Structure formats: structure tokens, C-alpha cells
Amino acid sequence: MTTREDMIDSIIELEWKMFQDVPNIGGRAACQDDLKTFRIMRAGQSTSWSDATLESYLGDLKEAERSGRNLITEKYGRMMRSTSPSEYARIEHLLPPVDPKATELMEKIVKIVLGWEQELLEKYPYIIKRGRPLFSTEDSFGVTSMETYLRGELATYSLRTLEVYLDHIQKEQSENINGSAITLLYMMKQYGFASLEDANEKMK
């Protein structure tokens, strides 16, 4: 029987493999050699997901690998629509079209997640301000907001994955659970902090 840990490990393994092949303007990026940070960031996200979301997204990655698609390359390519419009215009034709139904699901997810991130910014400003800016209006060349990053990633998910992910975060929202806080706490603990309060205080 596949456990959550097995699924998360498999997701990270496939994503890391794809990440190695992402082309970068100016040559290979330093982050492509930093497996430790990559693992912390991606495991943090996976920790907040339901089993059904993990299983569905793992299926997306396996299907992409079979068909020769690199979902990580596509993700970063889609972000350029906001961060580097001229470059995006050159590559847009290489990206698969996004189903209108997928766009509808994506926007519902973005609204919930950005709401969570705003809550975290209010509670733990010293942590959040060290990361990405929240909104696409804050994008610039070399600076990608949480909103733009999230949209870029969601656009690589299948309809099935978007549906089960939305179901999961709507359930969390109804139970007053902040899914982004689960992710952030996991990451802070990996860096040696006892809690979000502890991390926020020490980052002042």
C-alpha cells in the first residue's frame, strides 16, 4: 500500500528530475543544484495536501513523463506572462492550451490560497516579507509573486487534480484551517524553528 510519504517522495523525485531540464536565460540557475531547499519547499506544499490530491498530482507527473512533457518548464514559462511579457510572447505557442473549466477552478483556488497568505502576512509579517510578494501587481523581471507562481503551477495540473485540490482546500476553509500555515510551519521546522511564532520573532 502506498503511503503519503511514498507519494510525496515520488512527487519530489519526478519534479526534481524535470527541474534539472528547465532551460534558464543566462544558463543553469543555482537553485537547480540545491536539492535540500527544493525538497523542503515541495515537501512543505505536499504536507498540506489530502491523499487524493497527492495521488492525482502524482498521476499528472507520471503521465507528463510518459508523454514527454516537462511540467516544471511549463510552470515557469506561464509565469513569464506576468514577469517577462516579451519573452512569454515568444514561447506562448509552445505551451498547451488551458481548458476554460480549468481556469475557473484555478481562480477559485487562487482566491482561497491568497486569502490564507494575507492572514499569514498579518500574523507573521517578518516571515512572509522574506518570501515572495503576494500579488501579481508586484511582479517584475526577476521577481515573481505568490499569485503568479500559483497560477503558473495550477495551469500544469489536470482537471482531476484541480477538482480534488479545490475540494480539499474548501473543506479546510470550512473548518477554519489555513492550509498555507501547514506548509509554512513544516518549512520553518526544517530550518530549526519551534513554531511560526518563534520564527517570526527571530526574523524581526
Protein backbone atom coordinates (compact mmCIF):
# COMPACT_ATOMS: atom_id res chain seq x y z
CA MET A 1 0.00 0.00 0.00
CA THR A 2 1.37 3.42 -1.00
CA THR A 3 1.74 5.75 1.96
CA ARG A 4 1.60 9.55 1.99
CA GLU A 5 5.37 9.61 2.49
CA ASP A 6 5.88 7.35 -0.54
CA MET A 7 3.69 9.59 -2.70
CA ILE A 8 5.46 12.75 -1.54
CA ASP A 9 8.88 11.20 -2.19
CA SER A 10 7.78 10.10 -5.67
CA ILE A 11 6.39 13.58 -6.46
CA ILE A 12 9.61 15.28 -5.37
CA GLU A 13 11.74 12.79 -7.32
CA LEU A 14 9.79 13.38 -10.54
CA GLU A 15 9.66 17.16 -10.07
CA TRP A 16 13.40 17.33 -9.33
CA LYS A 17 14.13 15.33 -12.47
CA MET A 18 12.03 17.78 -14.53
CA PHE A 19 13.58 20.76 -12.73
CA GLN A 20 17.02 19.67 -13.91
CA ASP A 21 15.92 20.11 -17.52
CA VAL A 22 14.34 23.57 -17.16
CA PRO A 23 16.12 25.99 -19.55
CA ASN A 24 17.16 29.25 -17.94
CA ILE A 25 18.06 32.55 -19.57
CA GLY A 26 21.74 33.08 -18.83
CA GLY A 27 22.49 29.42 -18.12
CA ARG A 28 21.81 26.97 -15.32
CA ALA A 29 20.36 28.54 -12.18
CA ALA A 30 21.96 27.95 -8.75
CA CYS A 31 18.65 26.64 -7.37
CA GLN A 32 18.85 23.73 -9.83
CA ASP A 33 21.74 22.38 -7.75
CA ASP A 34 20.06 22.92 -4.37
CA LEU A 35 18.16 19.70 -3.74
CA LYS A 36 17.85 20.38 0.01
CA THR A 37 15.91 23.62 -0.44
CA PHE A 38 13.87 22.16 -3.31
CA ARG A 39 12.88 19.20 -1.15
CA ILE A 40 11.88 21.41 1.80
CA MET A 41 9.74 23.70 -0.38
CA ARG A 42 8.00 20.93 -2.31
CA ALA A 43 7.52 18.65 0.71
CA GLY A 44 6.07 21.61 2.58
CA GLN A 45 3.39 22.05 -0.06
CA SER A 46 2.66 18.33 -0.22
CA THR A 47 2.31 18.10 3.57
CA SER A 48 -0.80 20.31 3.44
CA TRP A 49 -2.48 18.25 0.70
CA SER A 50 -5.03 15.45 1.00
CA ASP A 51 -4.13 11.90 -0.05
CA ALA A 52 -6.47 12.25 -3.04
CA THR A 53 -4.68 15.42 -4.20
CA LEU A 54 -1.26 13.80 -3.83
CA GLU A 55 -2.37 10.71 -5.73
CA SER A 56 -3.92 12.73 -8.54
CA TYR A 57 -0.93 15.07 -8.95
CA LEU A 58 1.49 12.14 -8.90
CA GLY A 59 -0.58 10.71 -11.74
CA ASP A 60 -0.20 14.00 -13.62
CA LEU A 61 3.58 13.86 -13.26
CA LYS A 62 3.79 10.24 -14.40
CA GLU A 63 1.56 10.94 -17.40
CA ALA A 64 3.64 14.00 -18.30
CA GLU A 65 6.84 11.96 -18.12
CA ARG A 66 5.35 9.29 -20.40
CA SER A 67 4.26 11.89 -22.95
CA GLY A 68 7.50 13.91 -22.86
CA ARG A 69 6.07 17.00 -21.15
CA ASN A 70 8.05 18.90 -18.54
CA LEU A 71 5.51 20.40 -16.14
CA ILE A 72 8.15 22.45 -14.33
CA THR A 73 9.28 24.08 -17.57
CA GLU A 74 5.65 24.82 -18.41
CA LYS A 75 5.08 26.30 -14.96
CA TYR A 76 7.97 28.74 -15.25
CA GLY A 77 7.01 29.54 -18.83
CA ARG A 78 3.49 30.52 -17.80
CA MET A 79 4.82 32.79 -15.04
CA MET A 80 6.61 34.84 -17.69
CA ARG A 81 3.27 36.11 -18.94
CA SER A 82 3.38 38.49 -15.96
CA THR A 83 7.11 38.77 -15.20
CA SER A 84 8.50 38.96 -18.75
CA PRO A 85 5.71 39.56 -21.31
CA SER A 86 8.04 39.93 -24.30
CA GLU A 87 9.72 36.58 -23.62
CA TYR A 88 6.34 35.00 -22.96
CA ALA A 89 5.11 36.12 -26.38
CA ARG A 90 7.98 34.13 -27.93
CA ILE A 91 7.14 30.87 -26.12
CA GLU A 92 3.36 31.03 -25.68
CA HIS A 93 2.73 28.82 -28.72
CA LEU A 94 4.80 26.04 -27.10
CA LEU A 95 2.51 25.80 -24.05
CA PRO A 96 -0.58 23.56 -24.05
CA PRO A 97 -3.87 25.50 -24.03
CA VAL A 98 -5.64 25.71 -20.67
CA ASP A 99 -9.19 24.37 -20.55
CA PRO A 100 -11.74 27.11 -19.62
CA LYS A 101 -13.05 24.81 -16.89
CA ALA A 102 -9.52 24.56 -15.50
CA THR A 103 -9.23 28.36 -15.46
CA GLU A 104 -12.47 28.58 -13.47
CA LEU A 105 -11.18 26.08 -10.90
CA MET A 106 -7.80 27.80 -10.75
CA GLU A 107 -9.33 31.17 -9.89
CA LYS A 108 -11.32 29.65 -7.03
CA ILE A 109 -8.13 28.06 -5.67
CA VAL A 110 -6.12 31.28 -6.05
CA LYS A 111 -8.75 33.25 -4.12
CA ILE A 112 -8.64 30.85 -1.17
CA VAL A 113 -4.85 30.50 -1.06
CA LEU A 114 -4.20 34.24 -1.35
CA GLY A 115 -6.67 34.78 1.49
CA TRP A 116 -4.65 32.37 3.61
CA GLU A 117 -1.42 34.12 2.66
CA GLN A 118 -2.86 37.50 3.66
CA GLU A 119 -3.79 36.05 7.05
CA LEU A 120 -0.21 34.83 7.47
CA LEU A 121 1.18 38.21 6.46
CA GLU A 122 -0.87 39.85 9.21
CA LYS A 123 0.14 37.27 11.85
CA TYR A 124 3.75 36.60 10.83
CA PRO A 125 4.93 39.62 8.82
CA TYR A 126 8.64 39.04 9.39
CA ILE A 127 8.45 35.54 7.89
CA ILE A 128 6.21 36.38 4.94
CA LYS A 129 8.10 39.51 3.93
CA ARG A 130 11.21 37.38 3.45
CA GLY A 131 9.45 35.41 0.73
CA ARG A 132 7.68 36.29 -2.48
CA PRO A 133 5.40 39.35 -2.69
CA LEU A 134 1.77 38.22 -2.64
CA PHE A 135 0.18 39.80 -5.71
CA SER A 136 0.83 39.78 -9.44
CA THR A 137 0.74 43.58 -9.43
CA GLU A 138 4.09 43.36 -7.62
CA ASP A 139 5.76 41.25 -10.34
CA SER A 140 8.82 42.45 -12.20
CA PHE A 141 11.62 40.84 -14.18
CA GLY A 142 13.33 38.56 -11.67
CA VAL A 143 10.57 38.94 -9.05
CA THR A 144 7.63 36.52 -9.16
CA SER A 145 4.71 36.96 -6.78
CA MET A 146 2.93 34.18 -4.94
CA GLU A 147 -0.16 34.81 -7.10
CA THR A 148 1.75 34.46 -10.38
CA TYR A 149 3.69 31.42 -9.16
CA LEU A 150 0.48 29.74 -8.02
CA ARG A 151 -1.32 30.37 -11.30
CA GLY A 152 1.66 29.08 -13.25
CA GLU A 153 1.71 25.87 -11.26
CA LEU A 154 -2.04 25.30 -11.24
CA ALA A 155 -2.09 25.61 -15.04
CA THR A 156 0.00 22.42 -15.21
CA TYR A 157 -2.50 20.37 -13.17
CA SER A 158 -5.09 18.14 -14.79
CA LEU A 159 -8.78 18.92 -14.33
CA ARG A 160 -8.98 15.94 -11.99
CA THR A 161 -6.21 17.30 -9.77
CA LEU A 162 -7.68 20.81 -9.74
CA GLU A 163 -11.05 19.38 -8.70
CA VAL A 164 -9.74 17.26 -5.82
CA TYR A 165 -7.40 20.04 -4.67
CA LEU A 166 -10.23 22.60 -4.65
CA ASP A 167 -12.45 20.16 -2.74
CA HIS A 168 -9.68 19.74 -0.16
CA ILE A 169 -8.98 23.42 0.43
CA GLN A 170 -12.68 24.28 0.51
CA LYS A 171 -13.04 21.67 3.27
CA GLU A 172 -10.08 23.19 5.14
CA GLN A 173 -11.60 26.65 4.73
CA SER A 174 -14.95 25.45 6.11
CA GLU A 175 -13.12 24.07 9.16
CA ASN A 176 -11.15 27.32 9.66
CA ILE A 177 -7.89 25.59 8.74
CA ASN A 178 -5.27 27.68 6.95
CA GLY A 179 -3.60 25.28 4.52
CA SER A 180 -0.76 27.71 3.84
CA ALA A 181 0.05 27.78 7.56
CA ILE A 182 0.54 23.99 7.49
CA THR A 183 3.04 24.39 4.66
CA LEU A 184 4.83 27.30 6.32
CA LEU A 185 5.11 25.54 9.69
CA TYR A 186 6.65 22.47 8.03
CA MET A 187 9.26 24.63 6.29
CA MET A 188 10.12 26.65 9.40
CA LYS A 189 10.61 23.46 11.41
CA GLN A 190 13.03 22.21 8.75
CA TYR A 191 15.11 25.31 9.42
CA GLY A 192 15.15 24.72 13.16
CA PHE A 193 12.32 26.94 14.43
CA ALA A 194 9.95 25.54 17.05
CA SER A 195 6.83 27.34 15.78
CA LEU A 196 5.67 30.12 13.47
CA GLU A 197 5.68 32.49 16.43
CA ASP A 198 9.27 31.52 17.19
CA ALA A 199 10.34 32.03 13.58
CA ASN A 200 8.58 35.37 13.28
CA GLU A 201 10.17 36.68 16.49
CA LYS A 202 13.66 35.61 15.47
CA MET A 203 13.31 37.12 11.99
CA LYS A 204 12.50 40.61 13.31
